[in-house]
């Protein structure tokens, strides 16, 4: 038998052909591109513009309930925006409110990031949501003769306080350093906030650099959808 007479073994092209026909299907290509584009846009939006954040505790009741998804505006303090007293913020408490976390590893980090992008989990175990009570240069004191917190000698009106709570049962008198914030939960009797860390470095204040963004809206559940900004309706 000559070399030219030899029969080359026939290849099984069925699997490759099926895959090729599947991928060449216009509808499959359109759905695949649409899905990847949606994931990319949502991921970039969450990373740089608005990120959903799940409320893990009752420290901000009755403003925020456990399980609420708030939409955090990451551009609120960009382009000249300033942090103001009364803002509800999400911040990284690592090094102040919490110890520096251990690295979760590649797989754990991916899971945590994916959960944070869709608001199913906090982006980090060291992320907190609190209300800004004092900004850099403020003197914050508890309390006056009527039991109210004072900021720069003026009593603070706090309609957001959890019903039945006092403004604070912990006495303090602190001048907030420039570039730092004094923050407290609305549910004062159930909030580990700046008062809890008076003896820690920074005297319980957090750095403005640790602020992730301003919580502007409750986005879920539908029955609680509302703005967190006063005057927004």
Protein backbone atom coordinates (compact mmCIF):
# COMPACT_ATOMS: atom_id res chain seq x y z
CA UNK A 1 0.00 0.00 0.00
CA UNK A 2 1.43 3.35 -0.99
CA UNK A 3 1.33 6.40 1.16
CA UNK A 4 -1.21 7.97 -1.15
CA UNK A 5 -3.50 4.99 -0.74
CA UNK A 6 -3.54 5.28 3.03
CA UNK A 7 -6.83 6.41 4.52
CA UNK A 8 -6.51 9.12 7.08
CA UNK A 9 -8.65 8.52 10.14
CA UNK A 10 -11.84 10.51 9.97
CA UNK A 11 -12.16 13.06 12.73
CA UNK A 12 -15.29 13.35 14.77
CA UNK A 13 -16.36 16.88 13.99
CA UNK A 14 -19.75 16.64 15.61
CA UNK A 15 -18.89 18.31 18.92
CA UNK A 16 -16.92 21.09 17.29
CA UNK A 17 -19.63 21.66 14.74
CA UNK A 18 -22.33 21.83 17.41
CA UNK A 19 -20.32 24.38 19.37
CA UNK A 20 -19.68 26.37 16.22
CA UNK A 21 -23.34 26.34 15.25
CA UNK A 22 -24.31 27.38 18.80
CA UNK A 23 -21.87 30.28 18.88
CA UNK A 24 -22.76 31.40 15.34
CA UNK A 25 -26.36 31.72 16.42
CA UNK A 26 -27.11 35.45 16.35
CA UNK A 27 -29.39 35.33 19.37
CA UNK A 28 -26.71 33.63 21.50
CA UNK A 29 -24.11 36.22 20.54
CA UNK A 30 -26.49 39.08 21.27
CA UNK A 31 -27.46 37.70 24.69
CA UNK A 32 -23.83 36.98 25.61
CA UNK A 33 -22.64 40.46 24.65
CA UNK A 34 -25.62 42.05 26.42
CA UNK A 35 -24.96 40.08 29.61
CA UNK A 36 -21.25 40.90 29.67
CA UNK A 37 -21.98 44.57 28.96
CA UNK A 38 -24.55 44.71 31.76
CA UNK A 39 -22.15 43.13 34.24
CA UNK A 40 -19.38 45.53 33.21
CA UNK A 41 -21.56 48.65 33.43
CA UNK A 42 -23.06 47.58 36.75
CA UNK A 43 -19.64 46.76 38.16
CA UNK A 44 -18.16 50.10 37.11
CA UNK A 45 -21.19 51.98 38.43
CA UNK A 46 -20.94 50.19 41.77
CA UNK A 47 -17.20 50.81 41.99
CA UNK A 48 -17.23 54.51 41.12
CA UNK A 49 -20.74 56.02 41.22
CA UNK A 50 -23.48 54.32 43.29
CA UNK A 51 -23.08 51.15 45.35
CA UNK A 52 -25.82 49.22 47.15
CA UNK A 53 -25.05 48.47 50.79
CA UNK A 54 -26.99 46.09 53.03
CA UNK A 55 -27.76 47.30 56.56
CA UNK A 56 -26.39 44.62 58.94
CA UNK A 57 -27.53 45.89 62.34
CA UNK A 58 -30.09 47.99 64.18
CA UNK A 59 -27.73 50.85 65.03
CA UNK A 60 -29.49 53.24 62.61
CA UNK A 61 -33.09 52.37 63.50
CA UNK A 62 -35.67 53.79 62.97
CA UNK A 63 -34.10 55.56 59.95
CA UNK A 64 -32.71 52.29 58.57
CA UNK A 65 -33.89 48.77 59.31
CA UNK A 66 -31.86 45.56 59.31
CA UNK A 67 -31.85 44.22 55.74
CA UNK A 68 -32.51 47.56 54.04
CA UNK A 69 -30.46 48.15 50.91
CA UNK A 70 -29.23 51.72 50.77
CA UNK A 71 -27.72 53.29 47.67
CA UNK A 72 -24.41 54.93 48.50
CA UNK A 73 -23.50 57.96 46.40
CA UNK A 74 -19.74 57.68 45.91
CA UNK A 75 -19.52 61.01 44.06
CA UNK A 76 -21.30 63.01 46.80
CA UNK A 77 -18.05 64.46 48.12
CA UNK A 78 -16.23 64.75 44.81
CA UNK A 79 -15.92 67.89 42.73
CA UNK A 80 -16.11 70.19 45.73
CA UNK A 81 -18.83 68.39 47.69
CA UNK A 82 -18.43 68.69 51.45
CA UNK A 83 -19.40 66.35 54.27
CA UNK A 84 -22.11 68.01 56.33
CA UNK A 85 -23.54 67.45 59.78
CA UNK A 86 -26.57 65.20 59.52
CA UNK A 87 -25.29 63.23 56.49
CA UNK A 88 -25.71 59.46 56.70
CA UNK A 89 -22.41 58.00 55.52
CA UNK A 90 -20.85 54.61 54.88
CA UNK A 91 -17.19 54.41 55.87
CA UNK A 92 -14.38 51.94 56.38
CA UNK A 93 -13.78 51.63 60.13
CA UNK A 94 -10.60 49.54 59.81
CA UNK A 95 -8.00 50.88 62.21
CA UNK A 96 -10.53 52.93 64.21
CA UNK A 97 -13.84 51.14 64.81
CA UNK A 98 -12.38 47.73 63.96
CA UNK A 99 -9.04 45.96 63.71
CA UNK A 100 -7.38 45.77 60.32
CA UNK A 101 -8.96 42.73 58.61
CA UNK A 102 -7.05 39.73 57.37
CA UNK A 103 -6.87 39.30 53.62
CA UNK A 104 -9.74 36.98 52.57
CA UNK A 105 -7.79 35.35 49.74
CA UNK A 106 -8.61 35.47 46.05
CA UNK A 107 -11.77 33.35 46.15
CA UNK A 108 -13.12 34.93 49.31
CA UNK A 109 -12.36 38.39 47.97
CA UNK A 110 -14.21 37.70 44.73
CA UNK A 111 -17.27 36.40 46.59
CA UNK A 112 -17.32 39.41 48.90
CA UNK A 113 -16.91 41.83 46.00
CA UNK A 114 -19.67 40.15 43.99
CA UNK A 115 -22.02 40.26 46.98
CA UNK A 116 -21.25 43.92 47.58
CA UNK A 117 -21.84 44.87 43.93
CA UNK A 118 -25.44 43.63 44.05
CA UNK A 119 -26.06 44.70 47.65
CA UNK A 120 -26.31 41.18 49.04
CA UNK A 121 -23.46 41.67 51.48
CA UNK A 122 -21.36 44.48 52.92
CA UNK A 123 -18.27 45.16 50.84
CA UNK A 124 -16.20 44.53 53.95
CA UNK A 125 -16.70 43.43 57.52
CA UNK A 126 -15.25 46.78 58.57
CA UNK A 127 -17.77 48.97 56.72
CA UNK A 128 -20.16 50.98 58.91
CA UNK A 129 -23.13 53.28 58.40
CA UNK A 130 -23.58 56.19 60.83
CA UNK A 131 -24.73 59.80 60.94
CA UNK A 132 -22.27 62.70 60.96
CA UNK A 133 -22.71 64.73 64.14
CA UNK A 134 -19.51 66.76 64.14
CA UNK A 135 -17.00 67.79 61.46
CA UNK A 136 -13.44 69.07 61.75
CA UNK A 137 -13.18 72.01 64.17
CA UNK A 138 -16.49 71.32 65.93
CA UNK A 139 -16.76 70.97 69.69
CA UNK A 140 -19.29 68.23 70.45
CA UNK A 141 -20.55 67.94 74.03
CA UNK A 142 -22.97 65.70 75.87
CA UNK A 143 -25.06 67.02 77.27
CA UNK A 144 -26.79 70.28 78.17
CA UNK A 145 -29.27 70.73 81.03
CA UNK A 146 -32.08 69.33 78.86
CA UNK A 147 -30.03 66.27 77.92
CA UNK A 148 -29.35 67.45 74.35
CA UNK A 149 -26.06 67.13 72.51
CA UNK A 150 -24.44 70.47 71.79
CA UNK A 151 -22.33 71.35 68.74
CA UNK A 152 -20.34 74.55 69.12
CA UNK A 153 -22.55 75.58 72.03
CA UNK A 154 -25.84 75.08 70.16
CA UNK A 155 -28.27 72.29 71.11
CA UNK A 156 -28.74 69.71 68.35
CA UNK A 157 -32.26 69.04 67.08
CA UNK A 158 -32.42 65.29 66.39
CA UNK A 159 -35.84 64.23 65.05
CA UNK A 160 -34.28 61.05 63.65
CA UNK A 161 -33.53 59.57 67.10
CA UNK A 162 -35.01 56.14 67.78
CA UNK A 163 -38.22 56.58 69.79
CA UNK A 164 -37.54 56.48 73.52
CA UNK A 165 -33.77 56.90 73.17
CA UNK A 166 -31.85 59.67 74.92
CA UNK A 167 -29.34 61.58 72.78
CA UNK A 168 -26.62 59.83 74.79
CA UNK A 169 -26.11 58.22 78.18
CA UNK A 170 -22.33 58.54 77.69
CA UNK A 171 -20.87 61.91 78.65
CA UNK A 172 -18.23 63.40 76.39
CA UNK A 173 -16.63 66.69 75.46
CA UNK A 174 -14.48 66.53 72.35
CA UNK A 175 -13.08 68.90 69.75
CA UNK A 176 -13.09 67.13 66.39
CA UNK A 177 -9.69 67.41 64.67
CA UNK A 178 -9.58 68.84 61.15
CA UNK A 179 -10.11 66.18 58.51
CA UNK A 180 -11.98 63.91 60.92
CA UNK A 181 -15.62 63.24 61.85
CA UNK A 182 -17.63 62.44 64.96
CA UNK A 183 -20.33 59.92 64.01
CA UNK A 184 -23.24 58.32 65.89
CA UNK A 185 -26.04 55.88 65.18
CA UNK A 186 -29.67 57.02 65.32
CA UNK A 187 -30.49 54.14 67.68
CA UNK A 188 -28.23 55.48 70.40
CA UNK A 189 -28.87 52.69 72.90
CA UNK A 190 -27.91 50.07 70.27
CA UNK A 191 -25.02 51.76 68.49
CA UNK A 192 -21.29 51.26 68.94
CA UNK A 193 -20.16 54.58 67.48
CA UNK A 194 -17.66 57.36 68.22
CA UNK A 195 -18.61 57.25 71.91
CA UNK A 196 -17.42 53.65 72.11
CA UNK A 197 -13.89 54.57 71.07
CA UNK A 198 -13.21 57.71 73.09
CA UNK A 199 -10.04 56.14 74.48
CA UNK A 200 -8.79 54.89 71.11
CA UNK A 201 -6.42 56.74 68.76
CA UNK A 202 -8.35 59.63 67.25
CA UNK A 203 -10.63 59.86 70.29
CA UNK A 204 -13.46 58.06 68.53
CA UNK A 205 -13.31 60.17 65.37
CA UNK A 206 -12.83 58.76 61.87
CA UNK A 207 -10.80 60.17 59.01
CA UNK A 208 -12.66 61.76 56.11
CA UNK A 209 -10.43 59.68 53.84
CA UNK A 210 -12.23 56.55 55.11
CA UNK A 211 -15.64 57.73 53.89
CA UNK A 212 -16.91 55.53 51.04
CA UNK A 213 -19.90 57.70 50.23
CA UNK A 214 -23.16 59.23 51.36
CA UNK A 215 -26.23 57.03 51.77
CA UNK A 216 -28.83 58.93 49.76
CA UNK A 217 -31.68 56.47 49.18
CA UNK A 218 -33.29 53.32 50.51
CA UNK A 219 -33.58 51.18 47.39
CA UNK A 220 -35.00 47.97 48.86
CA UNK A 221 -37.46 46.63 49.94
CA UNK A 222 -39.98 48.43 47.69
CA UNK A 223 -42.21 49.31 50.64
CA UNK A 224 -39.38 51.39 52.15
CA UNK A 225 -38.04 53.10 49.04
CA UNK A 226 -37.35 56.72 50.00
CA UNK A 227 -34.76 59.47 50.05
CA UNK A 228 -32.47 59.91 53.06
CA UNK A 229 -31.76 63.51 52.14
CA UNK A 230 -33.80 66.11 54.03
CA UNK A 231 -35.93 68.17 51.71
CA UNK A 232 -35.84 65.59 48.91
CA UNK A 233 -39.40 64.50 49.55
